[in-house]
Amino acid sequence: MKRENNTLFHMFLNSCEKYKDKIAFIYKIGDEEFEVTYQKLFDDVLLLSREFRAKKITKNSKVMFICDNRYGWIVTDLAIVSIGAVSIPRGSDTPTNELEFIINHSKCEFLIMENEHIYKQHEQMVKKLSLKSIFILEAQNIHGFFDNVYSYNDLLKDKKIYKNDIEEFKELKNNLDENDTFALIYTSGTTGTPKGVILTHKNIMYNVREMPFIIALEDDDIWLSILPSWHIFERAVEYIALSRGCCTIYSSIKTFASDLE
């Protein structure tokens, strides 16, 4: 039976409507702490999804995403999900030769990197590839007239949300089905060439539906995130937390003890 209401994006929309005033994420930049409500998360994902679509990311586009744990990770991930594009996530320590192999093997069209430092590490290799666009989360306005590299600052100059934006964003759910691929997860490659695993919305939504009952999850529970977000276990946990209106705190090895308190 075709279950069109069983995708990550449907879940995201439902949670943002049901829990809009609750805190979805807490993260730090330096010593400053930021709290993000489900309404703010909705707005941030909408804005990035709008700009990705303007740059020709469409359903089934392959998007390589190199980034470690941060709020920008989940916003980017959900923006990709909203369009029906296929994310190919890895951590910032991915070697250049492995990154090149995965991009070519997956027939990747777009590349997203966490910061300029990581981009510079791979720049020579990336410039040889026929990528449609490259996006950098943390960078100044860097887009030149003849290049295809954009920072999020370049993309998000207009942060105003118009009425038709909300309607168009929500209607994206009608393009998605539970059998659509939402991610390609590649093995580490430590014992040979990386192998890609296809995951559908149906695969991940089984965990999202069933796990809350198994662990007796409540909407006032708090999650402390320390595993890499691009790991499928951690990723599933973040979706499960979102599905029940929980709060996720992004932590790190350095701040784990104090964050746990």
C-alpha atoms as a PDB file:
ATOM      1  CA  MET A   1       0.000   0.000   0.000  1.00  0.00           C
ATOM      2  CA  LYS A   2       1.308   3.440  -0.916  1.00  0.00           C
ATOM      3  CA  ARG A   3       1.685   5.571   2.207  1.00  0.00           C
ATOM      4  CA  GLU A   4       2.268   9.142   1.118  1.00  0.00           C
ATOM      5  CA  ASN A   5       1.977  10.497   4.641  1.00  0.00           C
ATOM      6  CA  ASN A   6       4.991   8.566   5.874  1.00  0.00           C
ATOM      7  CA  THR A   7       8.010  10.727   5.047  1.00  0.00           C
ATOM      8  CA  LEU A   8      10.445  12.703   7.163  1.00  0.00           C
ATOM      9  CA  PHE A   9       9.107  15.945   5.746  1.00  0.00           C
ATOM     10  CA  HIS A  10       5.525  15.117   6.765  1.00  0.00           C
ATOM     11  CA  MET A  11       6.842  14.367  10.257  1.00  0.00           C
ATOM     12  CA  PHE A  12       8.759  17.668  10.345  1.00  0.00           C
ATOM     13  CA  LEU A  13       5.714  19.714   9.311  1.00  0.00           C
ATOM     14  CA  ASN A  14       3.496  17.972  11.856  1.00  0.00           C
ATOM     15  CA  SER A  15       5.968  18.558  14.707  1.00  0.00           C
ATOM     16  CA  CYS A  16       6.531  22.215  13.846  1.00  0.00           C
ATOM     17  CA  GLU A  17       2.774  22.779  13.889  1.00  0.00           C
ATOM     18  CA  LYS A  18       2.130  20.806  17.077  1.00  0.00           C
ATOM     19  CA  TYR A  19       5.115  22.016  19.111  1.00  0.00           C
ATOM     20  CA  LYS A  20       5.810  25.428  17.541  1.00  0.00           C
ATOM     21  CA  ASP A  21       6.555  27.249  20.824  1.00  0.00           C
ATOM     22  CA  LYS A  22       8.695  24.483  22.364  1.00  0.00           C
ATOM     23  CA  ILE A  23      12.500  24.470  22.256  1.00  0.00           C
ATOM     24  CA  ALA A  24      13.779  22.115  19.539  1.00  0.00           C
ATOM     25  CA  PHE A  25      17.544  22.710  19.766  1.00  0.00           C
ATOM     26  CA  ILE A  26      20.103  24.327  22.058  1.00  0.00           C
ATOM     27  CA  TYR A  27      23.632  25.005  20.856  1.00  0.00           C
ATOM     28  CA  LYS A  28      26.619  27.155  21.717  1.00  0.00           C
ATOM     29  CA  ILE A  29      28.887  29.444  19.734  1.00  0.00           C
ATOM     30  CA  GLY A  30      31.812  30.185  22.016  1.00  0.00           C
ATOM     31  CA  ASP A  31      30.308  30.970  25.410  1.00  0.00           C
ATOM     32  CA  GLU A  32      26.996  32.164  23.984  1.00  0.00           C
ATOM     33  CA  GLU A  33      24.033  29.793  24.143  1.00  0.00           C
ATOM     34  CA  PHE A  34      21.198  29.801  21.631  1.00  0.00           C
ATOM     35  CA  GLU A  35      17.728  28.272  21.928  1.00  0.00           C
ATOM     36  CA  VAL A  36      15.721  27.444  18.815  1.00  0.00           C
ATOM     37  CA  THR A  37      11.964  26.882  18.909  1.00  0.00           C
ATOM     38  CA  TYR A  38      10.169  24.560  16.507  1.00  0.00           C
ATOM     39  CA  GLN A  39       8.734  27.674  14.823  1.00  0.00           C
ATOM     40  CA  LYS A  40      12.226  29.120  14.296  1.00  0.00           C
ATOM     41  CA  LEU A  41      13.427  25.749  12.969  1.00  0.00           C
ATOM     42  CA  PHE A  42      10.517  25.747  10.516  1.00  0.00           C
ATOM     43  CA  ASP A  43      11.418  29.252   9.332  1.00  0.00           C
ATOM     44  CA  ASP A  44      15.128  28.438   8.950  1.00  0.00           C
ATOM     45  CA  VAL A  45      14.453  25.256   6.966  1.00  0.00           C
ATOM     46  CA  LEU A  46      11.921  27.073   4.761  1.00  0.00           C
ATOM     47  CA  LEU A  47      14.406  29.847   3.903  1.00  0.00           C
ATOM     48  CA  LEU A  48      17.224  27.456   3.022  1.00  0.00           C
ATOM     49  CA  SER A  49      14.902  25.169   1.063  1.00  0.00           C
ATOM     50  CA  ARG A  50      13.701  28.186  -0.927  1.00  0.00           C
ATOM     51  CA  GLU A  51      17.263  29.169  -1.838  1.00  0.00           C
ATOM     52  CA  PHE A  52      18.328  25.596  -2.668  1.00  0.00           C
ATOM     53  CA  ARG A  53      15.370  25.311  -5.050  1.00  0.00           C
ATOM     54  CA  ALA A  54      16.332  28.642  -6.625  1.00  0.00           C
ATOM     55  CA  LYS A  55      19.775  27.130  -7.290  1.00  0.00           C
ATOM     56  CA  LYS A  56      18.160  24.186  -9.103  1.00  0.00           C
ATOM     57  CA  ILE A  57      18.292  21.504  -6.415  1.00  0.00           C
ATOM     58  CA  THR A  58      15.280  19.341  -7.266  1.00  0.00           C
ATOM     59  CA  LYS A  59      13.750  16.029  -6.281  1.00  0.00           C
ATOM     60  CA  ASN A  60      16.332  13.211  -6.597  1.00  0.00           C
ATOM     61  CA  SER A  61      19.264  15.641  -6.911  1.00  0.00           C
ATOM     62  CA  LYS A  62      22.327  14.083  -5.228  1.00  0.00           C
ATOM     63  CA  VAL A  63      23.787  16.414  -2.588  1.00  0.00           C
ATOM     64  CA  MET A  64      27.119  15.627  -0.868  1.00  0.00           C
ATOM     65  CA  PHE A  65      27.168  17.193   2.602  1.00  0.00           C
ATOM     66  CA  ILE A  66      30.452  17.509   4.536  1.00  0.00           C
ATOM     67  CA  CYS A  67      29.791  18.790   8.054  1.00  0.00           C
ATOM     68  CA  ASP A  68      30.089  17.989  11.764  1.00  0.00           C
ATOM     69  CA  ASN A  69      27.541  18.515  14.556  1.00  0.00           C
ATOM     70  CA  ARG A  70      25.981  21.966  14.585  1.00  0.00           C
ATOM     71  CA  TYR A  71      22.557  23.526  14.271  1.00  0.00           C
ATOM     72  CA  GLY A  72      23.283  24.288  10.623  1.00  0.00           C
ATOM     73  CA  TRP A  73      23.565  20.544  10.042  1.00  0.00           C
ATOM     74  CA  ILE A  74      19.956  19.727  10.895  1.00  0.00           C
ATOM     75  CA  VAL A  75      18.643  22.805   9.056  1.00  0.00           C
ATOM     76  CA  THR A  76      20.541  21.814   5.918  1.00  0.00           C
ATOM     77  CA  ASP A  77      19.531  18.180   6.221  1.00  0.00           C
ATOM     78  CA  LEU A  78      15.838  19.038   6.562  1.00  0.00           C
ATOM     79  CA  ALA A  79      16.010  21.540   3.681  1.00  0.00           C
ATOM     80  CA  ILE A  80      17.368  18.757   1.463  1.00  0.00           C
ATOM     81  CA  VAL A  81      14.640  16.405   2.753  1.00  0.00           C
ATOM     82  CA  SER A  82      11.916  18.975   1.987  1.00  0.00           C
ATOM     83  CA  ILE A  83      12.870  19.060  -1.691  1.00  0.00           C
ATOM     84  CA  GLY A  84      13.097  15.296  -2.040  1.00  0.00           C
ATOM     85  CA  ALA A  85      16.784  15.502  -2.883  1.00  0.00           C
ATOM     86  CA  VAL A  86      19.145  12.719  -1.776  1.00  0.00           C
ATOM     87  CA  SER A  87      21.717  13.628   0.880  1.00  0.00           C
ATOM     88  CA  ILE A  88      25.135  11.977   1.004  1.00  0.00           C
ATOM     89  CA  PRO A  89      26.534  12.988   4.409  1.00  0.00           C
ATOM     90  CA  ARG A  90      30.093  12.647   5.716  1.00  0.00           C
ATOM     91  CA  GLY A  91      32.194  14.213   8.476  1.00  0.00           C
ATOM     92  CA  SER A  92      34.742  17.000   8.020  1.00  0.00           C
ATOM     93  CA  ASP A  93      37.648  14.544   8.346  1.00  0.00           C
ATOM     94  CA  THR A  94      36.798  12.710   5.110  1.00  0.00           C
ATOM     95  CA  PRO A  95      40.034  12.343   3.038  1.00  0.00           C
ATOM     96  CA  THR A  96      40.088  14.036  -0.368  1.00  0.00           C
ATOM     97  CA  ASN A  97      40.503  10.801  -2.339  1.00  0.00           C
ATOM     98  CA  GLU A  98      37.535   9.229  -0.532  1.00  0.00           C
ATOM     99  CA  LEU A  99      35.414  12.330  -1.080  1.00  0.00           C
ATOM    100  CA  GLU A 100      36.266  12.299  -4.796  1.00  0.00           C
ATOM    101  CA  PHE A 101      35.346   8.625  -5.094  1.00  0.00           C
ATOM    102  CA  ILE A 102      31.972   9.093  -3.357  1.00  0.00           C
ATOM    103  CA  ILE A 103      31.056  12.173  -5.409  1.00  0.00           C
ATOM    104  CA  ASN A 104      31.827  10.344  -8.659  1.00  0.00           C
ATOM    105  CA  HIS A 105      30.300   7.012  -7.617  1.00  0.00           C
ATOM    106  CA  SER A 106      27.035   8.603  -6.444  1.00  0.00           C
ATOM    107  CA  LYS A 107      26.853  10.910  -9.469  1.00  0.00           C
ATOM    108  CA  CYS A 108      26.634  13.844  -7.081  1.00  0.00           C
ATOM    109  CA  GLU A 109      25.513  17.209  -8.539  1.00  0.00           C
ATOM    110  CA  PHE A 110      25.819  19.556  -5.546  1.00  0.00           C
ATOM    111  CA  LEU A 111      28.306  19.864  -2.692  1.00  0.00           C
ATOM    112  CA  ILE A 112      27.813  21.472   0.731  1.00  0.00           C
ATOM    113  CA  MET A 113      30.785  22.065   3.060  1.00  0.00           C
ATOM    114  CA  GLU A 114      30.897  23.281   6.640  1.00  0.00           C
ATOM    115  CA  ASN A 115      33.465  26.088   6.255  1.00  0.00           C
ATOM    116  CA  GLU A 116      36.052  27.682   3.994  1.00  0.00           C
ATOM    117  CA  HIS A 117      38.917  25.812   5.674  1.00  0.00           C
ATOM    118  CA  ILE A 118      37.426  22.443   4.666  1.00  0.00           C
ATOM    119  CA  TYR A 119      36.665  23.750   1.177  1.00  0.00           C
ATOM    120  CA  LYS A 120      40.273  24.872   0.712  1.00  0.00           C
ATOM    121  CA  GLN A 121      41.496  21.398   1.734  1.00  0.00           C
ATOM    122  CA  HIS A 122      39.614  19.851  -1.176  1.00  0.00           C
ATOM    123  CA  GLU A 123      39.491  22.807  -3.579  1.00  0.00           C
ATOM    124  CA  GLN A 124      41.855  21.469  -6.264  1.00  0.00           C
ATOM    125  CA  MET A 125      39.946  18.196  -6.499  1.00  0.00           C
ATOM    126  CA  VAL A 126      36.531  19.864  -6.372  1.00  0.00           C
ATOM    127  CA  LYS A 127      37.383  22.254  -9.214  1.00  0.00           C
ATOM    128  CA  LYS A 128      38.014  19.278 -11.502  1.00  0.00           C
ATOM    129  CA  LEU A 129      34.473  18.015 -11.011  1.00  0.00           C
ATOM    130  CA  SER A 130      31.363  19.058 -12.926  1.00  0.00           C
ATOM    131  CA  LEU A 131      29.304  20.149  -9.922  1.00  0.00           C
ATOM    132  CA  LYS A 132      26.353  22.457 -10.520  1.00  0.00           C
ATOM    133  CA  SER A 133      26.877  24.438  -7.294  1.00  0.00           C
ATOM    134  CA  ILE A 134      28.958  24.384  -4.108  1.00  0.00           C
ATOM    135  CA  PHE A 135      27.607  25.819  -0.838  1.00  0.00           C
ATOM    136  CA  ILE A 136      29.582  26.730   2.302  1.00  0.00           C
ATOM    137  CA  LEU A 137      27.787  27.091   5.645  1.00  0.00           C
ATOM    138  CA  GLU A 138      30.324  29.248   7.454  1.00  0.00           C
ATOM    139  CA  ALA A 139      31.902  31.855   5.183  1.00  0.00           C
ATOM    140  CA  GLN A 140      31.615  35.491   4.251  1.00  0.00           C
ATOM    141  CA  ASN A 141      29.948  36.616   1.028  1.00  0.00           C
ATOM    142  CA  ILE A 142      32.223  34.805  -1.436  1.00  0.00           C
ATOM    143  CA  HIS A 143      30.205  34.332  -4.619  1.00  0.00           C
ATOM    144  CA  GLY A 144      31.868  35.786  -7.709  1.00  0.00           C
ATOM    145  CA  PHE A 145      30.090  36.601 -10.965  1.00  0.00           C
ATOM    146  CA  PHE A 146      31.502  33.647 -12.892  1.00  0.00           C
ATOM    147  CA  ASP A 147      31.797  30.959 -10.229  1.00  0.00           C
ATOM    148  CA  ASN A 148      29.409  28.435  -8.716  1.00  0.00           C
ATOM    149  CA  VAL A 149      30.479  28.733  -5.055  1.00  0.00           C
ATOM    150  CA  TYR A 150      28.052  30.307  -2.580  1.00  0.00           C
ATOM    151  CA  SER A 151      28.210  30.894   1.149  1.00  0.00           C
ATOM    152  CA  TYR A 152      25.020  30.699   3.180  1.00  0.00           C
ATOM    153  CA  ASN A 153      25.481  34.456   3.655  1.00  0.00           C
ATOM    154  CA  ASP A 154      25.207  34.808  -0.127  1.00  0.00           C
ATOM    155  CA  LEU A 155      22.097  32.637  -0.237  1.00  0.00           C
ATOM    156  CA  LEU A 156      20.244  34.063   2.746  1.00  0.00           C
ATOM    157  CA  LYS A 157      20.432  37.791   2.069  1.00  0.00           C
ATOM    158  CA  ASP A 158      16.639  37.985   2.012  1.00  0.00           C
ATOM    159  CA  LYS A 159      15.313  36.432   5.225  1.00  0.00           C
ATOM    160  CA  LYS A 160      11.796  37.705   4.795  1.00  0.00           C
ATOM    161  CA  ILE A 161       9.164  34.972   4.579  1.00  0.00           C
ATOM    162  CA  TYR A 162       6.212  35.766   2.334  1.00  0.00           C
ATOM    163  CA  LYS A 163       2.760  34.174   2.588  1.00  0.00           C
ATOM    164  CA  ASN A 164       3.172  32.251  -0.658  1.00  0.00           C
ATOM    165  CA  ASP A 165       6.516  30.888   0.629  1.00  0.00           C
ATOM    166  CA  ILE A 166       4.784  29.078   3.488  1.00  0.00           C
ATOM    167  CA  GLU A 167       2.133  27.602   1.202  1.00  0.00           C
ATOM    168  CA  GLU A 168       4.686  26.479  -1.409  1.00  0.00           C
ATOM    169  CA  PHE A 169       6.960  24.996   1.256  1.00  0.00           C
ATOM    170  CA  LYS A 170       4.193  22.947   2.870  1.00  0.00           C
ATOM    171  CA  GLU A 171       2.972  21.754  -0.525  1.00  0.00           C
ATOM    172  CA  LEU A 172       6.362  20.135  -1.171  1.00  0.00           C
ATOM    173  CA  LYS A 173       5.068  17.191   0.886  1.00  0.00           C
ATOM    174  CA  ASN A 174       2.830  16.292  -2.059  1.00  0.00           C
ATOM    175  CA  ASN A 175       5.940  15.483  -4.125  1.00  0.00           C
ATOM    176  CA  LEU A 176       7.221  12.915  -1.602  1.00  0.00           C
ATOM    177  CA  ASP A 177       6.473   9.247  -1.047  1.00  0.00           C
ATOM    178  CA  GLU A 178       7.696   6.777   1.566  1.00  0.00           C
ATOM    179  CA  ASN A 179       9.535   4.765  -1.105  1.00  0.00           C
ATOM    180  CA  ASP A 180      11.637   7.762  -2.199  1.00  0.00           C
ATOM    181  CA  THR A 181      15.346   7.617  -1.390  1.00  0.00           C
ATOM    182  CA  PHE A 182      16.271  10.170   1.258  1.00  0.00           C
ATOM    183  CA  ALA A 183      19.958   9.351   1.774  1.00  0.00           C
ATOM    184  CA  LEU A 184      22.959   7.421   0.524  1.00  0.00           C
ATOM    185  CA  ILE A 185      25.168   6.346   3.419  1.00  0.00           C
ATOM    186  CA  TYR A 186      28.713   5.349   2.499  1.00  0.00           C
ATOM    187  CA  THR A 187      30.858   3.052   4.616  1.00  0.00           C
ATOM    188  CA  SER A 188      34.158   4.394   5.957  1.00  0.00           C
ATOM    189  CA  GLY A 189      36.313   2.685   3.347  1.00  0.00           C
ATOM    190  CA  THR A 190      38.828   1.490   5.951  1.00  0.00           C
ATOM    191  CA  THR A 191      38.662  -2.096   4.657  1.00  0.00           C
ATOM    192  CA  GLY A 192      38.302  -1.252   0.968  1.00  0.00           C
ATOM    193  CA  THR A 193      36.404   0.999  -1.391  1.00  0.00           C
ATOM    194  CA  PRO A 194      33.441   2.755   0.341  1.00  0.00           C
ATOM    195  CA  LYS A 195      30.114   1.035  -0.280  1.00  0.00           C
ATOM    196  CA  GLY A 196      26.902   3.018  -0.615  1.00  0.00           C
ATOM    197  CA  VAL A 197      23.696   2.029   1.194  1.00  0.00           C
ATOM    198  CA  ILE A 198      20.353   3.310  -0.087  1.00  0.00           C
ATOM    199  CA  LEU A 199      17.902   4.438   2.611  1.00  0.00           C
ATOM    200  CA  THR A 200      14.292   5.355   1.883  1.00  0.00           C
ATOM    201  CA  HIS A 201      11.859   7.404   3.939  1.00  0.00           C
ATOM    202  CA  LYS A 202      10.098   4.139   4.748  1.00  0.00           C
ATOM    203  CA  ASN A 203      13.336   2.751   6.239  1.00  0.00           C
ATOM    204  CA  ILE A 204      14.000   5.678   8.559  1.00  0.00           C
ATOM    205  CA  MET A 205      10.362   6.345   9.441  1.00  0.00           C
ATOM    206  CA  TYR A 206      10.009   2.826  10.832  1.00  0.00           C
ATOM    207  CA  ASN A 207      12.500   3.853  13.546  1.00  0.00           C
ATOM    208  CA  VAL A 208      10.827   7.231  14.033  1.00  0.00           C
ATOM    209  CA  ARG A 209       7.433   5.566  14.567  1.00  0.00           C
ATOM    210  CA  GLU A 210       8.450   2.601  16.710  1.00  0.00           C
ATOM    211  CA  MET A 211      11.308   3.790  18.932  1.00  0.00           C
ATOM    212  CA  PRO A 212       9.381   6.328  21.079  1.00  0.00           C
ATOM    213  CA  PHE A 213       7.199   3.498  22.445  1.00  0.00           C
ATOM    214  CA  ILE A 214      10.181   1.243  23.139  1.00  0.00           C
ATOM    215  CA  ILE A 215      12.018   3.908  25.177  1.00  0.00           C
ATOM    216  CA  ALA A 216       8.873   5.513  26.656  1.00  0.00           C
ATOM    217  CA  LEU A 217       9.741   8.899  25.146  1.00  0.00           C
ATOM    218  CA  GLU A 218       7.949  12.002  26.449  1.00  0.00           C
ATOM    219  CA  ASP A 219       7.798  15.432  24.831  1.00  0.00           C
ATOM    220  CA  ASP A 220       9.623  17.047  27.760  1.00  0.00           C
ATOM    221  CA  ASP A 221      12.616  14.698  27.463  1.00  0.00           C
ATOM    222  CA  ILE A 222      15.993  16.245  26.628  1.00  0.00           C
ATOM    223  CA  TRP A 223      18.572  14.628  24.364  1.00  0.00           C
ATOM    224  CA  LEU A 224      22.308  15.359  24.518  1.00  0.00           C
ATOM    225  CA  SER A 225      23.878  14.887  21.104  1.00  0.00           C
ATOM    226  CA  ILE A 226      27.512  13.812  20.928  1.00  0.00           C
ATOM    227  CA  LEU A 227      27.728  11.198  18.163  1.00  0.00           C
ATOM    228  CA  PRO A 228      28.455  12.658  14.685  1.00  0.00           C
ATOM    229  CA  SER A 229      25.166  13.851  13.165  1.00  0.00           C
ATOM    230  CA  TRP A 230      25.962  12.196   9.842  1.00  0.00           C
ATOM    231  CA  HIS A 231      26.079   8.740  11.506  1.00  0.00           C
ATOM    232  CA  ILE A 232      22.753   7.089  10.758  1.00  0.00           C
ATOM    233  CA  PHE A 233      22.126   6.124  14.407  1.00  0.00           C
ATOM    234  CA  GLU A 234      22.603   9.711  15.614  1.00  0.00           C
ATOM    235  CA  ARG A 235      20.631  11.010  12.672  1.00  0.00           C
ATOM    236  CA  ALA A 236      17.707   8.697  13.447  1.00  0.00           C
ATOM    237  CA  VAL A 237      17.779   9.800  17.097  1.00  0.00           C
ATOM    238  CA  GLU A 238      17.540  13.476  16.093  1.00  0.00           C
ATOM    239  CA  TYR A 239      14.525  12.688  13.890  1.00  0.00           C
ATOM    240  CA  ILE A 240      12.908  10.689  16.727  1.00  0.00           C
ATOM    241  CA  ALA A 241      13.406  13.653  19.085  1.00  0.00           C
ATOM    242  CA  LEU A 242      11.821  15.997  16.529  1.00  0.00           C
ATOM    243  CA  SER A 243       8.885  13.673  15.999  1.00  0.00           C
ATOM    244  CA  ARG A 244       7.872  13.944  19.680  1.00  0.00           C
ATOM    245  CA  GLY A 245       8.620  17.602  20.361  1.00  0.00           C
ATOM    246  CA  CYS A 246      11.769  16.949  22.402  1.00  0.00           C
ATOM    247  CA  CYS A 247      14.785  19.229  22.819  1.00  0.00           C
ATOM    248  CA  THR A 248      18.213  18.229  21.463  1.00  0.00           C
ATOM    249  CA  ILE A 249      21.367  19.862  22.847  1.00  0.00           C
ATOM    250  CA  TYR A 250      24.387  19.790  20.529  1.00  0.00           C
ATOM    251  CA  SER A 251      27.425  18.891  22.614  1.00  0.00           C
ATOM    252  CA  SER A 252      31.077  17.958  21.953  1.00  0.00           C
ATOM    253  CA  ILE A 253      33.837  15.972  23.610  1.00  0.00           C
ATOM    254  CA  LYS A 254      35.190  19.190  25.159  1.00  0.00           C
ATOM    255  CA  THR A 255      31.894  20.376  26.630  1.00  0.00           C
ATOM    256  CA  PHE A 256      30.208  17.010  27.278  1.00  0.00           C
ATOM    257  CA  ALA A 257      30.673  16.956  31.079  1.00  0.00           C
ATOM    258  CA  SER A 258      29.340  20.466  31.644  1.00  0.00           C
ATOM    259  CA  ASP A 259      26.543  20.002  29.113  1.00  0.00           C
ATOM    260  CA  LEU A 260      25.455  16.810  30.860  1.00  0.00           C
ATOM    261  CA  GLU A 261      25.075  18.755  34.113  1.00  0.00           C
END
